[in-house]
């Protein structure tokens, strides 16, 4: 019983410390480089450049707004929506 308890504690601790390593970082579409944007599934250099061009004209207020970029349709949006954020834009801070 004591050995079983020891093993269970070890398993729980390993799971606790390993979990952050498996979490994927969110990509801020208002600040990400083309290279960072291409880390998203289905986003190549051309689409990443279009995202940067779009946000330079007007920063994204919501994640959903990325669908305004040519090449980001509903299917691609569904693939990336949980991996992106807009962070806090300059306008939101004021």
Foldseek 3Di string as FASTA:
>chain_A
DVVVVVVVVVVVVCCVVCVVVPDAAAAALLDDDLVVVCVQPPRDSVQSVQSNVVVVVPQDPFLVCSCVGPPCHPVSCVRCVVRYGNPADPVNVD
